[in-house]
Amino acid sequence: MGMKTPMINSAAEKIAYNHDLLTQILLRLPTKSLIKFKSVSKLWRFIISDPDFCLSHTRHHHRNGFLSPTALLLKGDRFSPPSEFSIVPLKHYSKVPFFHYIPDSHVKILQSCNGLLLCESYRQSYLICNPTTKKFRRIYCPSNSAYNFISKCFVSFAFDPLTSPDYKIICIWESYREPCKFNLDLYSSKTGSWELCIVSFEVDEDEQEIELNNGVFCNGRIHWCGYGEESLYFDVEKECLETMPMALPSPMDAPETCRYFSESRGVLYVAVTYCMSVCLEFDVFEMARDYSEWNWKKRVNVGDAVNAFPELELGCIEYYPGFSGVCIIGSEKQEEPMVVVWADGKIISFDFRQGAWKMLYDLGP
């Protein structure tokens, strides 16, 4: 055995210092392991930290052209200390660290996009955070004399690591002097600067209820949910605004209370809740891939989850269903998506294919 040890060590050293072979091995490892292996040697750190390697690693781990989420992050509408955000793991090995690396005492999460987070700081700046690498970049609002009379500002985020390591921030400004008139600025990480992309556009009275503060990135476009006949989306590559149909069929004979806008594997979804004395149901709609219309997909009854989890207390208060935070995410092994709901302090999911509820995480009361 003593004679073979040097041969084994020699073979290991050949692999450890062979750039091409080592790169191919590292590409197949999970991100969590790569973070630890940065401390092995200068060569390993150089390979793992290279932007081209990071892009290749991401592309190596996609599923049919899409990335699967590993965790959910519960965000609020107010500024919070970085340590107070709740993490919901979707895989047993997934652990997204808290933002202890951010020097700001209070931040607000605006949007998540393929592993990066767009946050707003109380210091009047934006933060692009990478929870995996524990790094962030501070970006200040565009300085332009035309924005001296701003009344509202809406920010969205576009990042697709399968096509480019660069990201873009879309900032829409509403003029204080001219309501319903907007300017659109675009920040590119490639150039590190803001550019005035669209000088001005208007939203008429029928389209005023467009949620510009809740953009969803899908298929290279940022989409906004609306309550009129049409809504808007921004083509990031072509840098132009387009319209899409927004009117939804009304399968439930009751007024709406909320729309939850999300995407999964290149498809847009809207979950609609209704105002009723006791209503634990909501409808899920799916946008056609050619953006021609919304189609009703399924009515989900959260009350059925009580049969699986008797500890849930839902529908006890009139006109208050006891659930919120509805989103649609891709299932790990199936093409059909699943619905995730925050109900009575617990994160539960409904699988469309299996037609069953599952407990994902218990956040407590």
Protein backbone atom coordinates (compact mmCIF):
# COMPACT_ATOMS: atom_id res chain seq x y z
CA MET A 1 0.00 0.00 0.00
CA GLY A 2 2.90 2.32 0.72
CA MET A 3 4.11 2.07 -2.85
CA LYS A 4 0.73 3.13 -4.29
CA THR A 5 0.22 6.22 -2.18
CA PRO A 6 2.58 8.45 -4.18
CA MET A 7 0.85 7.36 -7.39
CA ILE A 8 -2.54 8.32 -5.99
CA ASN A 9 -1.23 11.64 -4.78
CA SER A 10 0.43 12.24 -8.13
CA ALA A 11 -2.81 11.54 -9.99
CA ALA A 12 -4.74 13.83 -7.64
CA GLU A 13 -2.20 16.58 -8.12
CA LYS A 14 -2.43 16.23 -11.90
CA ILE A 15 -6.19 16.75 -11.71
CA ALA A 16 -5.93 19.55 -9.15
CA TYR A 17 -3.61 21.56 -11.37
CA ASN A 18 -5.07 20.67 -14.76
CA HIS A 19 -7.12 23.77 -15.60
CA ASP A 20 -9.39 22.20 -18.23
CA LEU A 21 -10.05 18.94 -16.38
CA LEU A 22 -10.61 20.72 -13.09
CA THR A 23 -13.07 23.12 -14.72
CA GLN A 24 -15.15 20.24 -16.08
CA ILE A 25 -15.31 18.64 -12.61
CA LEU A 26 -16.21 21.88 -10.84
CA LEU A 27 -18.98 22.60 -13.36
CA ARG A 28 -20.85 19.55 -12.11
CA LEU A 29 -20.79 20.50 -8.43
CA PRO A 30 -23.57 22.38 -6.60
CA THR A 31 -23.07 26.06 -5.86
CA LYS A 32 -22.78 25.52 -2.12
CA SER A 33 -19.75 23.26 -2.62
CA LEU A 34 -18.09 25.72 -4.99
CA ILE A 35 -18.23 28.46 -2.38
CA LYS A 36 -16.28 26.25 0.03
CA PHE A 37 -13.79 25.11 -2.59
CA LYS A 38 -12.67 28.68 -3.27
CA SER A 39 -10.35 28.34 -0.28
CA VAL A 40 -8.58 25.22 -1.63
CA SER A 41 -6.04 27.10 -3.74
CA LYS A 42 -5.50 30.24 -5.80
CA LEU A 43 -6.17 28.28 -8.99
CA TRP A 44 -9.49 26.95 -7.71
CA ARG A 45 -10.53 30.43 -6.55
CA PHE A 46 -9.52 31.88 -9.94
CA ILE A 47 -11.59 29.32 -11.85
CA ILE A 48 -14.67 29.50 -9.64
CA SER A 49 -14.64 33.32 -9.52
CA ASP A 50 -14.32 33.73 -13.29
CA PRO A 51 -17.55 35.23 -14.76
CA ASP A 52 -17.40 32.86 -17.74
CA PHE A 53 -17.23 29.87 -15.40
CA CYS A 54 -20.20 31.21 -13.39
CA LEU A 55 -22.23 31.53 -16.57
CA SER A 56 -21.24 28.04 -17.75
CA HIS A 57 -22.06 26.59 -14.31
CA THR A 58 -25.54 28.10 -14.39
CA ARG A 59 -26.20 26.83 -17.90
CA HIS A 60 -24.98 23.38 -16.91
CA HIS A 61 -27.60 23.11 -14.15
CA HIS A 62 -30.68 24.30 -16.04
CA ARG A 63 -33.67 22.06 -16.75
CA ASN A 64 -35.09 22.25 -20.27
CA GLY A 65 -33.91 25.83 -20.60
CA PHE A 66 -35.21 27.03 -17.23
CA LEU A 67 -33.76 27.37 -13.74
CA SER A 68 -35.61 25.82 -10.79
CA PRO A 69 -36.01 27.88 -7.61
CA THR A 70 -34.30 26.52 -4.52
CA ALA A 71 -35.89 28.83 -1.96
CA LEU A 72 -38.60 31.43 -1.47
CA LEU A 73 -38.07 34.71 0.31
CA LEU A 74 -40.96 36.43 2.07
CA LYS A 75 -40.77 40.16 1.49
CA GLY A 76 -42.71 43.01 3.06
CA ASP A 77 -43.74 46.45 1.92
CA ARG A 78 -41.63 48.22 4.54
CA PHE A 79 -37.93 48.63 5.23
CA SER A 80 -36.65 45.90 7.56
CA PRO A 81 -33.33 44.99 9.15
CA PRO A 82 -31.44 42.59 6.83
CA SER A 83 -31.65 39.78 9.40
CA GLU A 84 -35.45 39.70 9.59
CA PHE A 85 -36.38 38.27 6.20
CA SER A 86 -37.90 34.79 6.26
CA ILE A 87 -36.36 32.06 4.10
CA VAL A 88 -38.47 29.15 2.82
CA PRO A 89 -36.23 26.31 1.51
CA LEU A 90 -37.66 24.27 -1.36
CA LYS A 91 -34.90 21.65 -1.29
CA HIS A 92 -33.41 19.88 1.70
CA TYR A 93 -29.90 21.10 0.92
CA SER A 94 -30.88 24.65 0.06
CA LYS A 95 -29.99 27.40 2.49
CA VAL A 96 -30.01 31.04 1.50
CA PRO A 97 -27.99 33.11 4.00
CA PHE A 98 -29.37 36.21 5.63
CA PHE A 99 -28.07 39.55 4.42
CA HIS A 100 -25.58 40.14 7.21
CA TYR A 101 -23.05 41.29 4.60
CA ILE A 102 -25.13 44.39 3.80
CA PRO A 103 -23.92 47.43 5.77
CA ASP A 104 -27.29 49.22 5.62
CA SER A 105 -29.44 48.85 8.73
CA HIS A 106 -32.75 48.73 6.83
CA VAL A 107 -33.56 47.47 3.32
CA LYS A 108 -36.65 46.53 1.33
CA ILE A 109 -36.69 43.66 -1.16
CA LEU A 110 -38.27 44.82 -4.39
CA GLN A 111 -37.79 41.85 -6.68
CA SER A 112 -36.03 38.51 -7.12
CA CYS A 113 -34.82 37.35 -10.51
CA ASN A 114 -32.95 34.09 -11.16
CA GLY A 115 -30.82 34.18 -8.02
CA LEU A 116 -30.22 37.92 -7.72
CA LEU A 117 -32.19 40.29 -5.51
CA LEU A 118 -33.08 43.90 -6.21
CA CYS A 119 -33.35 45.76 -2.91
CA GLU A 120 -33.97 49.36 -1.93
CA SER A 121 -31.99 50.97 0.84
CA TYR A 122 -33.19 53.64 3.19
CA ARG A 123 -30.11 55.55 1.97
CA GLN A 124 -31.97 56.27 -1.28
CA SER A 125 -30.07 53.75 -3.34
CA TYR A 126 -30.63 50.31 -4.84
CA LEU A 127 -28.73 47.14 -3.96
CA ILE A 128 -28.17 44.19 -6.29
CA CYS A 129 -27.50 41.28 -3.93
CA ASN A 130 -26.20 37.79 -4.62
CA PRO A 131 -27.12 35.69 -1.53
CA THR A 132 -24.92 32.82 -2.72
CA THR A 133 -21.67 34.76 -3.05
CA LYS A 134 -22.63 37.25 -0.29
CA LYS A 135 -21.77 40.17 -2.53
CA PHE A 136 -23.75 43.25 -3.49
CA ARG A 137 -23.49 46.34 -5.67
CA ARG A 138 -24.92 49.72 -4.74
CA ILE A 139 -26.61 51.65 -7.53
CA TYR A 140 -27.85 55.19 -7.10
CA CYS A 141 -30.94 56.63 -8.73
CA PRO A 142 -30.39 58.36 -12.07
CA SER A 143 -29.51 62.03 -11.66
CA ASN A 144 -31.41 64.07 -14.17
CA SER A 145 -32.78 67.57 -13.87
CA ALA A 146 -35.98 66.39 -15.52
CA TYR A 147 -36.77 64.41 -12.36
CA ASN A 148 -36.95 67.38 -10.03
CA PHE A 149 -40.73 67.05 -9.98
CA ILE A 150 -41.19 63.30 -9.53
CA SER A 151 -44.25 61.99 -7.75
CA LYS A 152 -43.80 58.22 -8.16
CA CYS A 153 -41.00 55.84 -9.08
CA PHE A 154 -41.33 52.15 -10.04
CA VAL A 155 -38.35 49.81 -10.41
CA SER A 156 -38.12 46.38 -12.06
CA PHE A 157 -35.28 43.95 -12.59
CA ALA A 158 -34.18 41.75 -15.54
CA PHE A 159 -31.56 39.02 -15.26
CA ASP A 160 -31.21 35.83 -17.32
CA PRO A 161 -27.94 34.01 -16.57
CA LEU A 162 -28.65 31.47 -19.30
CA THR A 163 -28.11 34.17 -21.93
CA SER A 164 -25.82 36.75 -20.28
CA PRO A 165 -24.07 37.49 -16.96
CA ASP A 166 -25.29 41.09 -17.20
CA TYR A 167 -28.48 42.45 -15.67
CA LYS A 168 -30.65 45.50 -16.24
CA ILE A 169 -32.79 47.72 -14.03
CA ILE A 170 -35.86 49.43 -15.47
CA CYS A 171 -36.93 52.60 -13.69
CA ILE A 172 -40.28 54.23 -14.56
CA TRP A 173 -40.96 57.77 -13.36
CA GLU A 174 -44.31 59.50 -13.17
CA SER A 175 -44.22 63.26 -13.56
CA TYR A 176 -45.59 65.35 -10.71
CA ARG A 177 -46.78 68.05 -13.13
CA GLU A 178 -48.28 65.62 -15.66
CA PRO A 179 -49.98 62.63 -14.02
CA CYS A 180 -50.31 59.50 -16.19
CA LYS A 181 -47.18 60.53 -18.13
CA PHE A 182 -44.08 58.44 -17.55
CA ASN A 183 -40.40 58.35 -18.44
CA LEU A 184 -38.41 55.13 -18.58
CA ASP A 185 -34.71 54.82 -17.65
CA LEU A 186 -32.56 51.73 -18.16
CA TYR A 187 -29.50 50.74 -16.12
CA SER A 188 -27.10 48.14 -17.56
CA SER A 189 -24.50 46.36 -15.45
CA LYS A 190 -22.43 46.03 -18.62
CA THR A 191 -21.99 49.79 -18.99
CA GLY A 192 -22.51 50.64 -15.31
CA SER A 193 -24.66 53.64 -16.18
CA TRP A 194 -28.24 54.84 -16.62
CA GLU A 195 -29.66 55.76 -20.02
CA LEU A 196 -32.93 57.45 -20.90
CA CYS A 197 -34.54 54.68 -22.91
CA ILE A 198 -38.05 56.00 -23.56
CA VAL A 199 -38.56 59.73 -23.22
CA SER A 200 -42.26 59.60 -22.47
CA PHE A 201 -45.35 57.43 -22.66
CA GLU A 202 -48.90 57.83 -21.41
CA VAL A 203 -51.41 55.56 -19.69
CA ASP A 204 -55.04 56.43 -20.32
CA GLU A 205 -57.79 56.34 -17.71
CA ASP A 206 -58.85 52.78 -18.50
CA GLU A 207 -55.31 51.52 -17.93
CA GLN A 208 -54.38 53.54 -14.87
CA GLU A 209 -54.63 50.53 -12.58
CA ILE A 210 -51.43 48.92 -13.83
CA GLU A 211 -49.22 47.63 -11.04
CA LEU A 212 -45.94 49.14 -12.20
CA ASN A 213 -44.40 48.31 -8.84
CA ASN A 214 -44.71 44.56 -9.42
CA GLY A 215 -42.87 43.67 -12.63
CA VAL A 216 -42.45 40.01 -13.60
CA PHE A 217 -39.49 39.04 -15.82
CA CYS A 218 -40.33 36.31 -18.32
CA ASN A 219 -39.11 35.48 -21.85
CA GLY A 220 -36.76 38.46 -21.93
CA ARG A 221 -39.56 40.88 -21.05
CA ILE A 222 -40.79 42.63 -17.94
CA HIS A 223 -44.57 42.36 -17.54
CA TRP A 224 -46.93 44.35 -15.36
CA CYS A 225 -50.33 43.18 -14.15
CA GLY A 226 -53.30 45.47 -14.80
CA TYR A 227 -57.02 45.68 -14.13
CA GLY A 228 -58.17 47.09 -17.47
CA GLU A 229 -58.53 45.59 -20.92
CA GLU A 230 -54.79 45.83 -21.60
CA SER A 231 -51.53 46.01 -19.71
CA LEU A 232 -47.88 46.64 -20.63
CA TYR A 233 -44.63 44.76 -21.00
CA PHE A 234 -41.13 45.98 -21.77
CA ASP A 235 -38.89 44.08 -24.21
CA VAL A 236 -35.46 44.35 -22.58
CA GLU A 237 -33.48 43.48 -25.71
CA LYS A 238 -35.39 45.71 -28.13
CA GLU A 239 -35.89 48.41 -25.45
CA CYS A 240 -39.51 49.05 -26.36
CA LEU A 241 -42.91 48.96 -24.67
CA GLU A 242 -45.70 46.72 -25.95
CA THR A 243 -49.27 45.98 -24.88
CA MET A 244 -50.80 42.65 -23.93
CA PRO A 245 -54.39 41.64 -23.15
CA MET A 246 -55.31 41.80 -19.49
CA ALA A 247 -59.06 41.22 -19.25
CA LEU A 248 -59.72 37.92 -17.44
CA PRO A 249 -62.85 35.76 -17.65
CA SER A 250 -65.06 35.86 -14.54
CA PRO A 251 -65.82 32.29 -13.45
CA MET A 252 -66.66 33.40 -9.91
CA ASP A 253 -69.77 35.53 -9.30
CA ALA A 254 -68.05 37.83 -6.81
CA PRO A 255 -65.87 40.96 -6.90
CA GLU A 256 -62.10 40.52 -6.94
CA THR A 257 -59.96 41.31 -3.92
CA CYS A 258 -56.44 40.71 -5.21
CA ARG A 259 -54.42 39.52 -8.18
CA TYR A 260 -51.14 37.63 -7.68
CA PHE A 261 -48.93 37.91 -10.77
CA SER A 262 -46.09 35.42 -11.38
CA GLU A 263 -44.37 33.20 -13.95
CA SER A 264 -43.11 29.66 -14.26
CA ARG A 265 -40.96 28.16 -17.04
CA GLY A 266 -41.71 30.91 -19.53
CA VAL A 267 -45.46 31.12 -18.86
CA LEU A 268 -47.32 33.97 -17.11
CA TYR A 269 -49.90 33.22 -14.42
CA VAL A 270 -52.44 35.25 -12.46
CA ALA A 271 -54.15 34.00 -9.30
CA VAL A 272 -57.36 35.88 -8.47
CA THR A 273 -58.97 35.95 -5.02
CA TYR A 274 -62.55 37.10 -4.40
CA CYS A 275 -64.53 39.01 -1.82
CA MET A 276 -67.04 36.69 -0.13
CA SER A 277 -68.14 36.14 3.46
CA VAL A 278 -66.43 32.74 3.47
CA CYS A 279 -64.22 32.09 0.47
CA LEU A 280 -61.19 29.83 0.49
CA GLU A 281 -61.07 29.47 -3.28
CA PHE A 282 -59.16 31.31 -5.95
CA ASP A 283 -58.82 30.95 -9.72
CA VAL A 284 -55.57 30.47 -11.62
CA PHE A 285 -55.26 31.86 -15.16
CA GLU A 286 -52.55 31.10 -17.69
CA MET A 287 -51.39 33.38 -20.51
CA ALA A 288 -51.19 31.82 -23.97
CA ARG A 289 -47.61 31.58 -25.24
CA ASP A 290 -48.44 33.90 -28.15
CA TYR A 291 -49.83 36.49 -25.69
CA SER A 292 -53.23 36.35 -27.39
CA GLU A 293 -55.40 35.71 -24.30
CA TRP A 294 -55.69 34.52 -20.71
CA ASN A 295 -57.11 31.05 -20.19
CA TRP A 296 -58.70 29.74 -17.01
CA LYS A 297 -56.59 26.83 -15.69
CA LYS A 298 -57.97 25.70 -12.35
CA ARG A 299 -59.92 26.69 -9.25
CA VAL A 300 -57.93 25.95 -6.12
CA ASN A 301 -59.69 25.38 -2.80
CA VAL A 302 -57.38 26.13 0.12
CA GLY A 303 -60.06 24.70 2.41
CA ASP A 304 -59.11 21.24 1.18
CA ALA A 305 -55.71 21.73 2.79
CA VAL A 306 -57.41 21.61 6.20
CA ASN A 307 -58.19 17.94 5.58
CA ALA A 308 -54.48 17.26 5.19
CA PHE A 309 -53.38 19.70 7.90
CA PRO A 310 -56.07 19.96 10.63
CA GLU A 311 -53.98 22.52 12.55
CA LEU A 312 -54.73 25.17 9.91
CA GLU A 313 -57.32 27.71 11.00
CA LEU A 314 -58.79 29.11 7.80
CA GLY A 315 -62.04 30.92 7.08
CA CYS A 316 -62.70 31.66 10.76
CA ILE A 317 -63.08 35.40 10.22
CA GLU A 318 -65.73 36.74 7.86
CA TYR A 319 -64.35 38.19 4.61
CA TYR A 320 -60.86 37.16 5.69
CA PRO A 321 -59.73 33.84 4.16
CA GLY A 322 -56.54 33.54 6.21
CA PHE A 323 -54.20 32.98 3.28
CA SER A 324 -52.10 35.27 1.11
CA GLY A 325 -48.86 35.43 -0.84
CA VAL A 326 -50.06 33.18 -3.66
CA CYS A 327 -47.38 32.41 -6.27
CA ILE A 328 -46.81 29.90 -9.05
CA ILE A 329 -43.49 28.07 -9.31
CA GLY A 330 -42.17 25.22 -11.42
CA SER A 331 -42.24 21.72 -10.05
CA GLU A 332 -38.84 20.06 -9.86
CA LYS A 333 -39.75 16.83 -11.67
CA GLN A 334 -42.90 17.71 -13.60
CA GLU A 335 -43.83 20.15 -16.32
CA GLU A 336 -46.99 21.23 -14.52
CA PRO A 337 -46.42 24.09 -12.05
CA MET A 338 -47.50 24.16 -8.44
CA VAL A 339 -49.22 26.83 -6.36
CA VAL A 340 -47.56 28.06 -3.18
CA VAL A 341 -49.71 29.73 -0.51
CA TRP A 342 -48.89 31.37 2.80
CA ALA A 343 -51.69 30.17 5.09
CA ASP A 344 -51.94 30.58 8.87
CA GLY A 345 -48.17 30.93 9.29
CA LYS A 346 -47.37 27.92 7.13
CA ILE A 347 -46.15 27.63 3.54
CA ILE A 348 -48.18 25.00 1.70
CA SER A 349 -48.23 23.99 -1.95
CA PHE A 350 -50.78 22.47 -4.31
CA ASP A 351 -49.54 20.21 -7.10
CA PHE A 352 -51.69 20.53 -10.23
CA ARG A 353 -50.83 17.07 -11.50
CA GLN A 354 -51.27 15.17 -8.24
CA GLY A 355 -54.15 17.34 -6.98
CA ALA A 356 -52.81 17.23 -3.44
CA TRP A 357 -51.57 19.69 -0.81
CA LYS A 358 -48.10 19.47 0.70
CA MET A 359 -46.47 21.24 3.65
CA LEU A 360 -43.31 23.06 2.59
CA TYR A 361 -42.37 25.01 5.69
CA ASP A 362 -43.74 26.10 9.05
CA LEU A 363 -42.91 29.72 9.82
CA GLY A 364 -44.78 29.70 13.10
CA PRO A 365 -47.53 32.11 14.18
